[in-house]
Amino acid sequence: MPKQKTHKGAAKRMKVTGSGKIMTRKAWRGHNRSKKSSRRWRRVDGDLKLEGGNAKNARRLLGR
Protein backbone atom coordinates (compact mmCIF):
# COMPACT_ATOMS: atom_id res chain seq x y z
CA MET A 1 0.00 0.00 0.00
CA PRO A 2 1.46 3.43 -0.87
CA LYS A 3 2.39 6.01 1.71
CA GLN A 4 -0.17 8.63 2.66
CA LYS A 5 0.72 12.07 1.34
CA THR A 6 0.65 15.18 3.51
CA HIS A 7 -2.01 17.69 2.47
CA LYS A 8 0.26 20.61 1.55
CA GLY A 9 -2.47 23.24 1.92
CA ALA A 10 -3.06 22.11 5.51
CA ALA A 11 0.65 21.85 6.25
CA LYS A 12 1.14 25.52 5.35
CA ARG A 13 -1.60 26.58 7.78
CA MET A 14 -1.03 24.31 10.78
CA LYS A 15 1.89 23.11 12.84
CA VAL A 16 2.32 20.33 15.36
CA THR A 17 4.02 21.25 18.63
CA GLY A 18 6.55 19.05 20.38
CA SER A 19 3.85 17.67 22.69
CA GLY A 20 1.59 16.86 19.72
CA LYS A 21 -0.90 19.73 19.87
CA ILE A 22 -2.03 21.21 16.55
CA MET A 23 -1.82 24.99 16.35
CA THR A 24 -3.25 27.29 13.69
CA ARG A 25 -3.87 31.02 13.27
CA LYS A 26 -7.08 32.67 14.34
CA ALA A 27 -9.43 34.15 11.77
CA TRP A 28 -9.76 37.88 10.88
CA ARG A 29 -6.00 38.54 10.89
CA GLY A 30 -5.38 38.93 7.18
CA HIS A 31 -5.52 42.64 6.32
CA ASN A 32 -7.40 45.93 6.96
CA ARG A 33 -5.99 46.12 10.45
CA SER A 34 -6.70 49.84 10.88
CA LYS A 35 -10.48 49.43 10.67
CA LYS A 36 -10.53 46.89 13.51
CA SER A 37 -10.62 48.22 17.07
CA SER A 38 -7.83 47.46 19.55
CA ARG A 39 -10.24 45.37 21.59
CA ARG A 40 -11.20 43.30 18.56
CA TRP A 41 -7.56 42.95 17.53
CA ARG A 42 -6.55 41.63 20.95
CA ARG A 43 -9.34 39.07 20.77
CA VAL A 44 -7.94 37.56 17.56
CA ASP A 45 -4.32 37.88 18.64
CA GLY A 46 -2.16 34.77 18.73
CA ASP A 47 -2.61 31.14 17.85
CA LEU A 48 -5.49 28.73 18.30
CA LYS A 49 -5.22 25.16 19.55
CA LEU A 50 -7.38 22.74 17.57
CA GLU A 51 -9.42 20.33 19.68
CA GLY A 52 -11.87 17.48 19.25
CA GLY A 53 -12.99 16.56 15.75
CA ASN A 54 -11.12 19.47 14.18
CA ALA A 55 -7.83 18.18 15.58
CA LYS A 56 -8.66 14.66 14.44
CA ASN A 57 -9.28 15.82 10.86
CA ALA A 58 -6.15 17.97 10.89
CA ARG A 59 -4.05 15.03 12.09
CA ARG A 60 -5.25 12.94 9.17
CA LEU A 61 -4.43 15.72 6.69
CA LEU A 62 -0.97 16.15 8.18
CA GLY A 63 -0.29 12.41 8.10
CA ARG A 64 0.07 11.93 11.86
PDB file of N, CA and C in Angstrom:
ATOM      1  N   MET A   1       0.847  -1.176   0.000  1.00  0.00           N
ATOM      2  CA  MET A   1       0.000   0.000   0.000  1.00  0.00           C
ATOM      3  C   MET A   1       0.897   1.246   0.000  1.00  0.00           C
ATOM      4  N   PRO A   2       0.586   2.260  -0.806  1.00  0.00           N
ATOM      5  CA  PRO A   2       1.458   3.432  -0.874  1.00  0.00           C
ATOM      6  C   PRO A   2       1.362   4.291   0.384  1.00  0.00           C
ATOM      7  N   LYS A   3       2.384   5.110   0.569  1.00  0.00           N
ATOM      8  CA  LYS A   3       2.391   6.008   1.713  1.00  0.00           C
ATOM      9  C   LYS A   3       1.318   7.079   1.554  1.00  0.00           C
ATOM     10  N   GLN A   4       0.803   7.548   2.690  1.00  0.00           N
ATOM     11  CA  GLN A   4      -0.167   8.635   2.664  1.00  0.00           C
ATOM     12  C   GLN A   4       0.575   9.952   2.471  1.00  0.00           C
ATOM     13  N   LYS A   5       0.068  10.794   1.585  1.00  0.00           N
ATOM     14  CA  LYS A   5       0.720  12.072   1.341  1.00  0.00           C
ATOM     15  C   LYS A   5       0.168  13.142   2.281  1.00  0.00           C
ATOM     16  N   THR A   6       1.047  14.033   2.701  1.00  0.00           N
ATOM     17  CA  THR A   6       0.647  15.180   3.508  1.00  0.00           C
ATOM     18  C   THR A   6      -0.148  16.144   2.646  1.00  0.00           C
ATOM     19  N   HIS A   7      -1.221  16.679   3.181  1.00  0.00           N
ATOM     20  CA  HIS A   7      -2.010  17.690   2.472  1.00  0.00           C
ATOM     21  C   HIS A   7      -1.248  19.014   2.602  1.00  0.00           C
ATOM     22  N   LYS A   8      -0.639  19.466   1.505  1.00  0.00           N
ATOM     23  CA  LYS A   8       0.263  20.612   1.553  1.00  0.00           C
ATOM     24  C   LYS A   8      -0.450  21.903   1.934  1.00  0.00           C
ATOM     25  N   GLY A   9      -1.726  22.055   1.540  1.00  0.00           N
ATOM     26  CA  GLY A   9      -2.475  23.243   1.924  1.00  0.00           C
ATOM     27  C   GLY A   9      -2.648  23.309   3.434  1.00  0.00           C
ATOM     28  N   ALA A  10      -2.911  22.166   4.057  1.00  0.00           N
ATOM     29  CA  ALA A  10      -3.063  22.115   5.510  1.00  0.00           C
ATOM     30  C   ALA A  10      -1.720  22.321   6.203  1.00  0.00           C
ATOM     31  N   ALA A  11      -0.667  21.755   5.630  1.00  0.00           N
ATOM     32  CA  ALA A  11       0.655  21.849   6.246  1.00  0.00           C
ATOM     33  C   ALA A  11       1.146  23.292   6.306  1.00  0.00           C
ATOM     34  N   LYS A  12       0.730  24.118   5.350  1.00  0.00           N
ATOM     35  CA  LYS A  12       1.143  25.518   5.346  1.00  0.00           C
ATOM     36  C   LYS A  12       0.382  26.331   6.384  1.00  0.00           C
ATOM     37  N   ARG A  13      -0.748  25.826   6.862  1.00  0.00           N
ATOM     38  CA  ARG A  13      -1.596  26.577   7.779  1.00  0.00           C
ATOM     39  C   ARG A  13      -1.549  26.094   9.220  1.00  0.00           C
ATOM     40  N   MET A  14      -1.042  24.888   9.432  1.00  0.00           N
ATOM     41  CA  MET A  14      -1.028  24.312  10.777  1.00  0.00           C
ATOM     42  C   MET A  14       0.348  23.779  11.108  1.00  0.00           C
ATOM     43  N   LYS A  15       0.641  23.733  12.426  1.00  0.00           N
ATOM     44  CA  LYS A  15       1.889  23.108  12.840  1.00  0.00           C
ATOM     45  C   LYS A  15       1.622  22.257  14.068  1.00  0.00           C
ATOM     46  N   VAL A  16       2.443  21.235  14.227  1.00  0.00           N
ATOM     47  CA  VAL A  16       2.319  20.334  15.358  1.00  0.00           C
ATOM     48  C   VAL A  16       3.417  20.684  16.350  1.00  0.00           C
ATOM     49  N   THR A  17       3.044  20.909  17.600  1.00  0.00           N
ATOM     50  CA  THR A  17       4.018  21.251  18.628  1.00  0.00           C
ATOM     51  C   THR A  17       4.764  19.995  19.060  1.00  0.00           C
ATOM     52  N   GLY A  18       5.769  20.178  19.891  1.00  0.00           N
ATOM     53  CA  GLY A  18       6.547  19.049  20.383  1.00  0.00           C
ATOM     54  C   GLY A  18       5.717  18.068  21.176  1.00  0.00           C
ATOM     55  N   SER A  19       4.695  18.564  21.885  1.00  0.00           N
ATOM     56  CA  SER A  19       3.850  17.674  22.686  1.00  0.00           C
ATOM     57  C   SER A  19       2.696  17.089  21.885  1.00  0.00           C
ATOM     58  N   GLY A  20       2.597  17.466  20.573  1.00  0.00           N
ATOM     59  CA  GLY A  20       1.588  16.859  19.715  1.00  0.00           C
ATOM     60  C   GLY A  20       0.331  17.679  19.494  1.00  0.00           C
ATOM     61  N   LYS A  21       0.259  18.883  20.101  1.00  0.00           N
ATOM     62  CA  LYS A  21      -0.900  19.732  19.872  1.00  0.00           C
ATOM     63  C   LYS A  21      -0.829  20.332  18.473  1.00  0.00           C
ATOM     64  N   ILE A  22      -1.992  20.603  17.877  1.00  0.00           N
ATOM     65  CA  ILE A  22      -2.034  21.208  16.550  1.00  0.00           C
ATOM     66  C   ILE A  22      -2.451  22.663  16.703  1.00  0.00           C
ATOM     67  N   MET A  23      -1.587  23.561  16.226  1.00  0.00           N
ATOM     68  CA  MET A  23      -1.816  24.991  16.348  1.00  0.00           C
ATOM     69  C   MET A  23      -2.069  25.588  14.972  1.00  0.00           C
ATOM     70  N   THR A  24      -2.960  26.578  14.933  1.00  0.00           N
ATOM     71  CA  THR A  24      -3.248  27.286  13.692  1.00  0.00           C
ATOM     72  C   THR A  24      -3.520  28.743  14.031  1.00  0.00           C
ATOM     73  N   ARG A  25      -3.606  29.609  13.028  1.00  0.00           N
ATOM     74  CA  ARG A  25      -3.868  31.022  13.271  1.00  0.00           C
ATOM     75  C   ARG A  25      -5.357  31.272  13.436  1.00  0.00           C
ATOM     76  N   LYS A  26      -5.684  32.284  14.208  1.00  0.00           N
ATOM     77  CA  LYS A  26      -7.085  32.672  14.345  1.00  0.00           C
ATOM     78  C   LYS A  26      -7.541  33.409  13.093  1.00  0.00           C
ATOM     79  N   ALA A  27      -8.845  33.467  12.923  1.00  0.00           N
ATOM     80  CA  ALA A  27      -9.426  34.148  11.767  1.00  0.00           C
ATOM     81  C   ALA A  27      -9.373  35.668  11.946  1.00  0.00           C
ATOM     82  N   TRP A  28      -9.657  36.413  10.899  1.00  0.00           N
ATOM     83  CA  TRP A  28      -9.763  37.878  10.877  1.00  0.00           C
ATOM     84  C   TRP A  28      -8.424  38.577  11.067  1.00  0.00           C
ATOM     85  N   ARG A  29      -7.307  37.929  10.699  1.00  0.00           N
ATOM     86  CA  ARG A  29      -6.003  38.541  10.887  1.00  0.00           C
ATOM     87  C   ARG A  29      -5.335  38.946   9.581  1.00  0.00           C
ATOM     88  N   GLY A  30      -6.036  38.785   8.461  1.00  0.00           N
ATOM     89  CA  GLY A  30      -5.381  38.932   7.177  1.00  0.00           C
ATOM     90  C   GLY A  30      -4.943  40.326   6.786  1.00  0.00           C
ATOM     91  N   HIS A  31      -5.847  41.294   6.792  1.00  0.00           N
ATOM     92  CA  HIS A  31      -5.518  42.637   6.319  1.00  0.00           C
ATOM     93  C   HIS A  31      -6.540  43.605   6.890  1.00  0.00           C
ATOM     94  N   ASN A  32      -6.492  44.881   6.463  1.00  0.00           N
ATOM     95  CA  ASN A  32      -7.397  45.925   6.957  1.00  0.00           C
ATOM     96  C   ASN A  32      -7.345  46.049   8.479  1.00  0.00           C
ATOM     97  N   ARG A  33      -6.139  46.065   9.004  1.00  0.00           N
ATOM     98  CA  ARG A  33      -5.994  46.122  10.454  1.00  0.00           C
ATOM     99  C   ARG A  33      -6.521  47.432  11.042  1.00  0.00           C
ATOM    100  N   SER A  34      -6.365  48.532  10.303  1.00  0.00           N
ATOM    101  CA  SER A  34      -6.703  49.838  10.875  1.00  0.00           C
ATOM    102  C   SER A  34      -8.196  49.993  11.161  1.00  0.00           C
ATOM    103  N   LYS A  35      -9.050  49.273  10.442  1.00  0.00           N
ATOM    104  CA  LYS A  35     -10.482  49.427  10.673  1.00  0.00           C
ATOM    105  C   LYS A  35     -10.983  48.581  11.839  1.00  0.00           C
ATOM    106  N   LYS A  36     -10.135  47.715  12.374  1.00  0.00           N
ATOM    107  CA  LYS A  36     -10.530  46.888  13.514  1.00  0.00           C
ATOM    108  C   LYS A  36     -10.082  47.568  14.807  1.00  0.00           C
ATOM    109  N   SER A  37     -10.944  47.565  15.807  1.00  0.00           N
ATOM    110  CA  SER A  37     -10.619  48.222  17.073  1.00  0.00           C
ATOM    111  C   SER A  37      -9.530  47.438  17.807  1.00  0.00           C
ATOM    112  N   SER A  38      -8.879  48.106  18.758  1.00  0.00           N
ATOM    113  CA  SER A  38      -7.829  47.458  19.548  1.00  0.00           C
ATOM    114  C   SER A  38      -8.395  46.275  20.314  1.00  0.00           C
ATOM    115  N   ARG A  39      -9.592  46.442  20.833  1.00  0.00           N
ATOM    116  CA  ARG A  39     -10.238  45.371  21.590  1.00  0.00           C
ATOM    117  C   ARG A  39     -10.458  44.148  20.701  1.00  0.00           C
ATOM    118  N   ARG A  40     -10.951  44.401  19.501  1.00  0.00           N
ATOM    119  CA  ARG A  40     -11.196  43.304  18.564  1.00  0.00           C
ATOM    120  C   ARG A  40      -9.886  42.654  18.141  1.00  0.00           C
ATOM    121  N   TRP A  41      -8.857  43.477  17.960  1.00  0.00           N
ATOM    122  CA  TRP A  41      -7.565  42.951  17.527  1.00  0.00           C
ATOM    123  C   TRP A  41      -6.954  42.058  18.602  1.00  0.00           C
ATOM    124  N   ARG A  42      -7.091  42.458  19.857  1.00  0.00           N
ATOM    125  CA  ARG A  42      -6.551  41.630  20.946  1.00  0.00           C
ATOM    126  C   ARG A  42      -7.269  40.293  21.005  1.00  0.00           C
ATOM    127  N   ARG A  43      -8.559  40.303  20.699  1.00  0.00           N
ATOM    128  CA  ARG A  43      -9.336  39.074  20.768  1.00  0.00           C
ATOM    129  C   ARG A  43      -8.856  38.036  19.753  1.00  0.00           C
ATOM    130  N   VAL A  44      -8.389  38.498  18.582  1.00  0.00           N
ATOM    131  CA  VAL A  44      -7.942  37.556  17.565  1.00  0.00           C
ATOM    132  C   VAL A  44      -6.416  37.418  17.544  1.00  0.00           C
ATOM    133  N   ASP A  45      -5.766  37.931  18.581  1.00  0.00           N
ATOM    134  CA  ASP A  45      -4.315  37.876  18.642  1.00  0.00           C
ATOM    135  C   ASP A  45      -3.853  36.454  18.978  1.00  0.00           C
ATOM    136  N   GLY A  46      -2.778  36.028  18.353  1.00  0.00           N
ATOM    137  CA  GLY A  46      -2.158  34.773  18.728  1.00  0.00           C
ATOM    138  C   GLY A  46      -2.672  33.564  17.978  1.00  0.00           C
ATOM    139  N   ASP A  47      -2.294  32.406  18.493  1.00  0.00           N
ATOM    140  CA  ASP A  47      -2.609  31.135  17.855  1.00  0.00           C
ATOM    141  C   ASP A  47      -3.798  30.472  18.513  1.00  0.00           C
ATOM    142  N   LEU A  48      -4.329  29.475  17.836  1.00  0.00           N
ATOM    143  CA  LEU A  48      -5.490  28.732  18.302  1.00  0.00           C
ATOM    144  C   LEU A  48      -5.134  27.252  18.339  1.00  0.00           C
ATOM    145  N   LYS A  49      -5.463  26.588  19.436  1.00  0.00           N
ATOM    146  CA  LYS A  49      -5.221  25.156  19.549  1.00  0.00           C
ATOM    147  C   LYS A  49      -6.447  24.404  19.040  1.00  0.00           C
ATOM    148  N   LEU A  50      -6.258  23.523  18.075  1.00  0.00           N
ATOM    149  CA  LEU A  50      -7.382  22.736  17.568  1.00  0.00           C
ATOM    150  C   LEU A  50      -7.704  21.617  18.549  1.00  0.00           C
ATOM    151  N   GLU A  51      -9.007  21.382  18.751  1.00  0.00           N
ATOM    152  CA  GLU A  51      -9.421  20.333  19.681  1.00  0.00           C
ATOM    153  C   GLU A  51     -10.534  19.503  19.075  1.00  0.00           C
ATOM    154  N   GLY A  52     -10.760  18.349  19.644  1.00  0.00           N
ATOM    155  CA  GLY A  52     -11.866  17.485  19.249  1.00  0.00           C
ATOM    156  C   GLY A  52     -11.770  16.995  17.815  1.00  0.00           C
ATOM    157  N   GLY A  53     -12.914  17.063  17.120  1.00  0.00           N
ATOM    158  CA  GLY A  53     -12.988  16.565  15.751  1.00  0.00           C
ATOM    159  C   GLY A  53     -12.122  17.354  14.789  1.00  0.00           C
ATOM    160  N   ASN A  54     -11.972  18.664  15.048  1.00  0.00           N
ATOM    161  CA  ASN A  54     -11.115  19.474  14.184  1.00  0.00           C
ATOM    162  C   ASN A  54      -9.679  18.989  14.241  1.00  0.00           C
ATOM    163  N   ALA A  55      -9.206  18.674  15.430  1.00  0.00           N
ATOM    164  CA  ALA A  55      -7.833  18.180  15.584  1.00  0.00           C
ATOM    165  C   ALA A  55      -7.684  16.809  14.924  1.00  0.00           C
ATOM    166  N   LYS A  56      -8.710  16.004  15.035  1.00  0.00           N
ATOM    167  CA  LYS A  56      -8.662  14.662  14.443  1.00  0.00           C
ATOM    168  C   LYS A  56      -8.545  14.752  12.920  1.00  0.00           C
ATOM    169  N   ASN A  57      -9.357  15.631  12.312  1.00  0.00           N
ATOM    170  CA  ASN A  57      -9.280  15.816  10.865  1.00  0.00           C
ATOM    171  C   ASN A  57      -7.940  16.393  10.440  1.00  0.00           C
ATOM    172  N   ALA A  58      -7.436  17.342  11.208  1.00  0.00           N
ATOM    173  CA  ALA A  58      -6.153  17.971  10.894  1.00  0.00           C
ATOM    174  C   ALA A  58      -5.030  16.948  10.960  1.00  0.00           C
ATOM    175  N   ARG A  59      -5.077  16.077  11.958  1.00  0.00           N
ATOM    176  CA  ARG A  59      -4.049  15.031  12.088  1.00  0.00           C
ATOM    177  C   ARG A  59      -4.007  14.140  10.858  1.00  0.00           C
ATOM    178  N   ARG A  60      -5.181  13.798  10.341  1.00  0.00           N
ATOM    179  CA  ARG A  60      -5.245  12.939   9.171  1.00  0.00           C
ATOM    180  C   ARG A  60      -4.656  13.659   7.958  1.00  0.00           C
ATOM    181  N   LEU A  61      -4.968  14.958   7.802  1.00  0.00           N
ATOM    182  CA  LEU A  61      -4.433  15.722   6.686  1.00  0.00           C
ATOM    183  C   LEU A  61      -2.916  15.847   6.767  1.00  0.00           C
ATOM    184  N   LEU A  62      -2.408  15.965   7.999  1.00  0.00           N
ATOM    185  CA  LEU A  62      -0.972  16.146   8.181  1.00  0.00           C
ATOM    186  C   LEU A  62      -0.214  14.824   8.215  1.00  0.00           C
ATOM    187  N   GLY A  63      -0.943  13.728   8.137  1.00  0.00           N
ATOM    188  CA  GLY A  63      -0.288  12.412   8.104  1.00  0.00           C
ATOM    189  C   GLY A  63       0.275  11.978   9.418  1.00  0.00           C
ATOM    190  N   ARG A  64      -0.402  12.310  10.520  1.00  0.00           N
ATOM    191  CA  ARG A  64       0.072  11.927  11.856  1.00  0.00           C
ATOM    192  C   ARG A  64      -0.925  11.079  12.598  1.00  0.00           C
TER     193      ARG A  64
END
